[in-house]
Amino acid sequence: MATSIGNNIKRLRTKINLTQDELARKADVKYTTLTKIESGIVKRPSVQIIAQIAKSLSVSIEDILKD
């Protein structure tokens, strides 16, 4: 499941044509944090970070967490 969080973020991000940098700025998350989540280095990002990313992608937290 851990890698699916990063995979889901990447899939949702590319679907709306956002770069990692654009999403990081929009979500007010450090660029390095976002890249580590997407690549699976950070396996359990905080709920706050997931919520910020979900809001920026206009999706629910569940959309990011689902397998």
PDB file of N, CA and C in Angstrom:
ATOM      1  N   MET A   1       0.822  -1.204   0.000  1.00  0.00           N
ATOM      2  CA  MET A   1       0.000   0.000   0.000  1.00  0.00           C
ATOM      3  C   MET A   1       0.858   1.256   0.000  1.00  0.00           C
ATOM      4  N   ALA A   2       2.009   1.202   0.644  1.00  0.00           N
ATOM      5  CA  ALA A   2       2.837   2.393   0.784  1.00  0.00           C
ATOM      6  C   ALA A   2       3.199   3.005  -0.560  1.00  0.00           C
ATOM      7  N   THR A   3       3.615   2.169  -1.502  1.00  0.00           N
ATOM      8  CA  THR A   3       3.982   2.723  -2.808  1.00  0.00           C
ATOM      9  C   THR A   3       2.746   3.195  -3.559  1.00  0.00           C
ATOM     10  N   SER A   4       1.577   2.647  -3.237  1.00  0.00           N
ATOM     11  CA  SER A   4       0.391   3.071  -3.956  1.00  0.00           C
ATOM     12  C   SER A   4       0.026   4.520  -3.633  1.00  0.00           C
ATOM     13  N   ILE A   5       0.368   5.006  -2.444  1.00  0.00           N
ATOM     14  CA  ILE A   5       0.108   6.417  -2.117  1.00  0.00           C
ATOM     15  C   ILE A   5       0.877   7.299  -3.104  1.00  0.00           C
ATOM     16  N   GLY A   6       2.167   7.032  -3.243  1.00  0.00           N
ATOM     17  CA  GLY A   6       2.985   7.798  -4.179  1.00  0.00           C
ATOM     18  C   GLY A   6       2.523   7.626  -5.608  1.00  0.00           C
ATOM     19  N   ASN A   7       2.190   6.398  -5.978  1.00  0.00           N
ATOM     20  CA  ASN A   7       1.709   6.128  -7.341  1.00  0.00           C
ATOM     21  C   ASN A   7       0.402   6.854  -7.622  1.00  0.00           C
ATOM     22  N   ASN A   8      -0.495   6.847  -6.638  1.00  0.00           N
ATOM     23  CA  ASN A   8      -1.779   7.530  -6.811  1.00  0.00           C
ATOM     24  C   ASN A   8      -1.581   9.030  -6.966  1.00  0.00           C
ATOM     25  N   ILE A   9      -0.702   9.606  -6.157  1.00  0.00           N
ATOM     26  CA  ILE A   9      -0.440  11.046  -6.262  1.00  0.00           C
ATOM     27  C   ILE A   9       0.122  11.361  -7.642  1.00  0.00           C
ATOM     28  N   LYS A  10       1.087  10.561  -8.065  1.00  0.00           N
ATOM     29  CA  LYS A  10       1.700  10.797  -9.379  1.00  0.00           C
ATOM     30  C   LYS A  10       0.668  10.674 -10.501  1.00  0.00           C
ATOM     31  N   ARG A  11      -0.159   9.640 -10.429  1.00  0.00           N
ATOM     32  CA  ARG A  11      -1.182   9.428 -11.465  1.00  0.00           C
ATOM     33  C   ARG A  11      -2.177  10.597 -11.506  1.00  0.00           C
ATOM     34  N   LEU A  12      -2.640  11.012 -10.325  1.00  0.00           N
ATOM     35  CA  LEU A  12      -3.604  12.107 -10.264  1.00  0.00           C
ATOM     36  C   LEU A  12      -2.969  13.427 -10.700  1.00  0.00           C
ATOM     37  N   ARG A  13      -1.706  13.610 -10.369  1.00  0.00           N
ATOM     38  CA  ARG A  13      -0.990  14.836 -10.731  1.00  0.00           C
ATOM     39  C   ARG A  13      -0.799  14.923 -12.245  1.00  0.00           C
ATOM     40  N   THR A  14      -0.359  13.825 -12.854  1.00  0.00           N
ATOM     41  CA  THR A  14      -0.109  13.854 -14.295  1.00  0.00           C
ATOM     42  C   THR A  14      -1.417  13.941 -15.083  1.00  0.00           C
ATOM     43  N   LYS A  15      -2.486  13.429 -14.504  1.00  0.00           N
ATOM     44  CA  LYS A  15      -3.797  13.487 -15.158  1.00  0.00           C
ATOM     45  C   LYS A  15      -4.246  14.936 -15.388  1.00  0.00           C
ATOM     46  N   ILE A  16      -3.856  15.828 -14.482  1.00  0.00           N
ATOM     47  CA  ILE A  16      -4.227  17.243 -14.635  1.00  0.00           C
ATOM     48  C   ILE A  16      -3.030  18.093 -15.083  1.00  0.00           C
ATOM     49  N   ASN A  17      -2.010  17.403 -15.596  1.00  0.00           N
ATOM     50  CA  ASN A  17      -0.848  18.075 -16.188  1.00  0.00           C
ATOM     51  C   ASN A  17      -0.127  19.034 -15.253  1.00  0.00           C
ATOM     52  N   LEU A  18       0.070  18.603 -14.007  1.00  0.00           N
ATOM     53  CA  LEU A  18       0.857  19.391 -13.063  1.00  0.00           C
ATOM     54  C   LEU A  18       2.239  18.757 -12.931  1.00  0.00           C
ATOM     55  N   THR A  19       3.264  19.588 -12.857  1.00  0.00           N
ATOM     56  CA  THR A  19       4.592  19.066 -12.562  1.00  0.00           C
ATOM     57  C   THR A  19       4.704  18.862 -11.058  1.00  0.00           C
ATOM     58  N   GLN A  20       5.729  18.144 -10.639  1.00  0.00           N
ATOM     59  CA  GLN A  20       5.950  17.962  -9.205  1.00  0.00           C
ATOM     60  C   GLN A  20       6.141  19.317  -8.534  1.00  0.00           C
ATOM     61  N   ASP A  21       6.884  20.194  -9.166  1.00  0.00           N
ATOM     62  CA  ASP A  21       7.130  21.518  -8.599  1.00  0.00           C
ATOM     63  C   ASP A  21       5.839  22.312  -8.450  1.00  0.00           C
ATOM     64  N   GLU A  22       4.986  22.255  -9.466  1.00  0.00           N
ATOM     65  CA  GLU A  22       3.712  22.982  -9.413  1.00  0.00           C
ATOM     66  C   GLU A  22       2.820  22.446  -8.291  1.00  0.00           C
ATOM     67  N   LEU A  23       2.753  21.131  -8.171  1.00  0.00           N
ATOM     68  CA  LEU A  23       1.934  20.548  -7.112  1.00  0.00           C
ATOM     69  C   LEU A  23       2.499  20.882  -5.741  1.00  0.00           C
ATOM     70  N   ALA A  24       3.797  20.804  -5.597  1.00  0.00           N
ATOM     71  CA  ALA A  24       4.425  21.122  -4.310  1.00  0.00           C
ATOM     72  C   ALA A  24       4.085  22.550  -3.884  1.00  0.00           C
ATOM     73  N   ARG A  25       4.174  23.484  -4.814  1.00  0.00           N
ATOM     74  CA  ARG A  25       3.847  24.885  -4.509  1.00  0.00           C
ATOM     75  C   ARG A  25       2.366  25.045  -4.177  1.00  0.00           C
ATOM     76  N   LYS A  26       1.516  24.430  -4.979  1.00  0.00           N
ATOM     77  CA  LYS A  26       0.064  24.542  -4.801  1.00  0.00           C
ATOM     78  C   LYS A  26      -0.380  23.944  -3.458  1.00  0.00           C
ATOM     79  N   ALA A  27       0.261  22.838  -3.078  1.00  0.00           N
ATOM     80  CA  ALA A  27      -0.104  22.147  -1.838  1.00  0.00           C
ATOM     81  C   ALA A  27       0.653  22.690  -0.628  1.00  0.00           C
ATOM     82  N   ASP A  28       1.596  23.599  -0.870  1.00  0.00           N
ATOM     83  CA  ASP A  28       2.444  24.135   0.191  1.00  0.00           C
ATOM     84  C   ASP A  28       3.194  23.020   0.920  1.00  0.00           C
ATOM     85  N   VAL A  29       3.786  22.146   0.106  1.00  0.00           N
ATOM     86  CA  VAL A  29       4.590  21.024   0.593  1.00  0.00           C
ATOM     87  C   VAL A  29       5.977  21.179  -0.023  1.00  0.00           C
ATOM     88  N   LYS A  30       7.002  20.826   0.713  1.00  0.00           N
ATOM     89  CA  LYS A  30       8.352  20.917   0.147  1.00  0.00           C
ATOM     90  C   LYS A  30       8.460  20.015  -1.075  1.00  0.00           C
ATOM     91  N   TYR A  31       9.145  20.520  -2.098  1.00  0.00           N
ATOM     92  CA  TYR A  31       9.339  19.759  -3.338  1.00  0.00           C
ATOM     93  C   TYR A  31      10.001  18.413  -3.043  1.00  0.00           C
ATOM     94  N   THR A  32      11.025  18.435  -2.195  1.00  0.00           N
ATOM     95  CA  THR A  32      11.728  17.184  -1.883  1.00  0.00           C
ATOM     96  C   THR A  32      10.810  16.190  -1.181  1.00  0.00           C
ATOM     97  N   THR A  33       9.926  16.689  -0.346  1.00  0.00           N
ATOM     98  CA  THR A  33       8.972  15.804   0.336  1.00  0.00           C
ATOM     99  C   THR A  33       8.062  15.141  -0.680  1.00  0.00           C
ATOM    100  N   LEU A  34       7.552  15.922  -1.617  1.00  0.00           N
ATOM    101  CA  LEU A  34       6.662  15.370  -2.641  1.00  0.00           C
ATOM    102  C   LEU A  34       7.378  14.321  -3.478  1.00  0.00           C
ATOM    103  N   THR A  35       8.603  14.606  -3.904  1.00  0.00           N
ATOM    104  CA  THR A  35       9.318  13.640  -4.737  1.00  0.00           C
ATOM    105  C   THR A  35       9.608  12.357  -3.954  1.00  0.00           C
ATOM    106  N   LYS A  36       9.893  12.484  -2.666  1.00  0.00           N
ATOM    107  CA  LYS A  36      10.154  11.294  -1.841  1.00  0.00           C
ATOM    108  C   LYS A  36       8.885  10.470  -1.655  1.00  0.00           C
ATOM    109  N   ILE A  37       7.740  11.136  -1.538  1.00  0.00           N
ATOM    110  CA  ILE A  37       6.470  10.410  -1.413  1.00  0.00           C
ATOM    111  C   ILE A  37       6.175   9.673  -2.725  1.00  0.00           C
ATOM    112  N   GLU A  38       6.311  10.385  -3.838  1.00  0.00           N
ATOM    113  CA  GLU A  38       6.013   9.769  -5.139  1.00  0.00           C
ATOM    114  C   GLU A  38       6.948   8.609  -5.455  1.00  0.00           C
ATOM    115  N   SER A  39       8.192   8.704  -5.033  1.00  0.00           N
ATOM    116  CA  SER A  39       9.153   7.636  -5.341  1.00  0.00           C
ATOM    117  C   SER A  39       9.127   6.507  -4.312  1.00  0.00           C
ATOM    118  N   GLY A  40       8.347   6.679  -3.239  1.00  0.00           N
ATOM    119  CA  GLY A  40       8.220   5.618  -2.253  1.00  0.00           C
ATOM    120  C   GLY A  40       9.250   5.657  -1.144  1.00  0.00           C
ATOM    121  N   ILE A  41      10.108   6.689  -1.122  1.00  0.00           N
ATOM    122  CA  ILE A  41      11.090   6.803  -0.032  1.00  0.00           C
ATOM    123  C   ILE A  41      10.360   7.119   1.270  1.00  0.00           C
ATOM    124  N   VAL A  42       9.420   8.070   1.197  1.00  0.00           N
ATOM    125  CA  VAL A  42       8.553   8.362   2.345  1.00  0.00           C
ATOM    126  C   VAL A  42       7.313   7.504   2.162  1.00  0.00           C
ATOM    127  N   LYS A  43       7.193   6.489   3.006  1.00  0.00           N
ATOM    128  CA  LYS A  43       6.100   5.523   2.841  1.00  0.00           C
ATOM    129  C   LYS A  43       4.826   5.925   3.578  1.00  0.00           C
ATOM    130  N   ARG A  44       4.970   6.700   4.646  1.00  0.00           N
ATOM    131  CA  ARG A  44       3.806   7.100   5.429  1.00  0.00           C
ATOM    132  C   ARG A  44       3.791   8.603   5.661  1.00  0.00           C
ATOM    133  N   PRO A  45       3.402   9.368   4.632  1.00  0.00           N
ATOM    134  CA  PRO A  45       3.332  10.819   4.824  1.00  0.00           C
ATOM    135  C   PRO A  45       2.254  11.164   5.846  1.00  0.00           C
ATOM    136  N   SER A  46       2.400  12.300   6.494  1.00  0.00           N
ATOM    137  CA  SER A  46       1.427  12.697   7.516  1.00  0.00           C
ATOM    138  C   SER A  46       0.063  12.935   6.884  1.00  0.00           C
ATOM    139  N   VAL A  47      -0.957  12.808   7.708  1.00  0.00           N
ATOM    140  CA  VAL A  47      -2.328  13.038   7.248  1.00  0.00           C
ATOM    141  C   VAL A  47      -2.458  14.479   6.744  1.00  0.00           C
ATOM    142  N   GLN A  48      -1.790  15.395   7.408  1.00  0.00           N
ATOM    143  CA  GLN A  48      -1.848  16.804   7.006  1.00  0.00           C
ATOM    144  C   GLN A  48      -1.303  16.986   5.585  1.00  0.00           C
ATOM    145  N   ILE A  49      -0.170  16.367   5.303  1.00  0.00           N
ATOM    146  CA  ILE A  49       0.422  16.485   3.968  1.00  0.00           C
ATOM    147  C   ILE A  49      -0.481  15.830   2.923  1.00  0.00           C
ATOM    148  N   ILE A  50      -1.014  14.653   3.234  1.00  0.00           N
ATOM    149  CA  ILE A  50      -1.928  13.991   2.298  1.00  0.00           C
ATOM    150  C   ILE A  50      -3.153  14.870   2.048  1.00  0.00           C
ATOM    151  N   ALA A  51      -3.674  15.491   3.105  1.00  0.00           N
ATOM    152  CA  ALA A  51      -4.845  16.363   2.960  1.00  0.00           C
ATOM    153  C   ALA A  51      -4.531  17.570   2.082  1.00  0.00           C
ATOM    154  N   GLN A  52      -3.356  18.164   2.250  1.00  0.00           N
ATOM    155  CA  GLN A  52      -2.966  19.324   1.449  1.00  0.00           C
ATOM    156  C   GLN A  52      -2.821  18.937  -0.022  1.00  0.00           C
ATOM    157  N   ILE A  53      -2.220  17.775  -0.261  1.00  0.00           N
ATOM    158  CA  ILE A  53      -2.042  17.306  -1.634  1.00  0.00           C
ATOM    159  C   ILE A  53      -3.402  16.985  -2.257  1.00  0.00           C
ATOM    160  N   ALA A  54      -4.255  16.304  -1.508  1.00  0.00           N
ATOM    161  CA  ALA A  54      -5.589  15.947  -2.017  1.00  0.00           C
ATOM    162  C   ALA A  54      -6.370  17.199  -2.399  1.00  0.00           C
ATOM    163  N   LYS A  55      -6.332  18.207  -1.534  1.00  0.00           N
ATOM    164  CA  LYS A  55      -7.048  19.454  -1.806  1.00  0.00           C
ATOM    165  C   LYS A  55      -6.515  20.104  -3.080  1.00  0.00           C
ATOM    166  N   SER A  56      -5.213  20.098  -3.236  1.00  0.00           N
ATOM    167  CA  SER A  56      -4.594  20.713  -4.412  1.00  0.00           C
ATOM    168  C   SER A  56      -4.924  19.963  -5.700  1.00  0.00           C
ATOM    169  N   LEU A  57      -5.151  18.662  -5.578  1.00  0.00           N
ATOM    170  CA  LEU A  57      -5.505  17.843  -6.739  1.00  0.00           C
ATOM    171  C   LEU A  57      -7.019  17.779  -6.960  1.00  0.00           C
ATOM    172  N   SER A  58      -7.782  18.390  -6.043  1.00  0.00           N
ATOM    173  CA  SER A  58      -9.257  18.359  -6.084  1.00  0.00           C
ATOM    174  C   SER A  58      -9.793  16.938  -6.025  1.00  0.00           C
ATOM    175  N   VAL A  59      -9.182  16.126  -5.144  1.00  0.00           N
ATOM    176  CA  VAL A  59      -9.643  14.761  -4.919  1.00  0.00           C
ATOM    177  C   VAL A  59      -9.804  14.542  -3.419  1.00  0.00           C
ATOM    178  N   SER A  60     -10.406  13.424  -3.036  1.00  0.00           N
ATOM    179  CA  SER A  60     -10.549  13.109  -1.622  1.00  0.00           C
ATOM    180  C   SER A  60      -9.280  12.419  -1.112  1.00  0.00           C
ATOM    181  N   ILE A  61      -9.108  12.438   0.172  1.00  0.00           N
ATOM    182  CA  ILE A  61      -7.989  11.739   0.788  1.00  0.00           C
ATOM    183  C   ILE A  61      -8.074  10.251   0.438  1.00  0.00           C
ATOM    184  N   GLU A  62      -9.291   9.716   0.394  1.00  0.00           N
ATOM    185  CA  GLU A  62      -9.484   8.300   0.070  1.00  0.00           C
ATOM    186  C   GLU A  62      -8.963   7.974  -1.320  1.00  0.00           C
ATOM    187  N   ASP A  63      -9.081   8.924  -2.256  1.00  0.00           N
ATOM    188  CA  ASP A  63      -8.570   8.688  -3.614  1.00  0.00           C
ATOM    189  C   ASP A  63      -7.058   8.481  -3.596  1.00  0.00           C
ATOM    190  N   ILE A  64      -6.381   9.163  -2.695  1.00  0.00           N
ATOM    191  CA  ILE A  64      -4.931   9.024  -2.602  1.00  0.00           C
ATOM    192  C   ILE A  64      -4.550   7.745  -1.861  1.00  0.00           C
ATOM    193  N   LEU A  65      -5.337   7.362  -0.870  1.00  0.00           N
ATOM    194  CA  LEU A  65      -4.990   6.207  -0.039  1.00  0.00           C
ATOM    195  C   LEU A  65      -5.388   4.868  -0.623  1.00  0.00           C
ATOM    196  N   LYS A  66      -6.329   4.846  -1.557  1.00  0.00           N
ATOM    197  CA  LYS A  66      -6.831   3.553  -2.030  1.00  0.00           C
ATOM    198  C   LYS A  66      -5.765   2.771  -2.815  1.00  0.00           C
ATOM    199  N   ASP A  67      -5.866   1.463  -2.697  1.00  0.00           N
ATOM    200  CA  ASP A  67      -4.915   0.577  -3.384  1.00  0.00           C
ATOM    201  C   ASP A  67      -5.230   0.455  -4.860  1.00  0.00           C
TER     202      ASP A  67
END
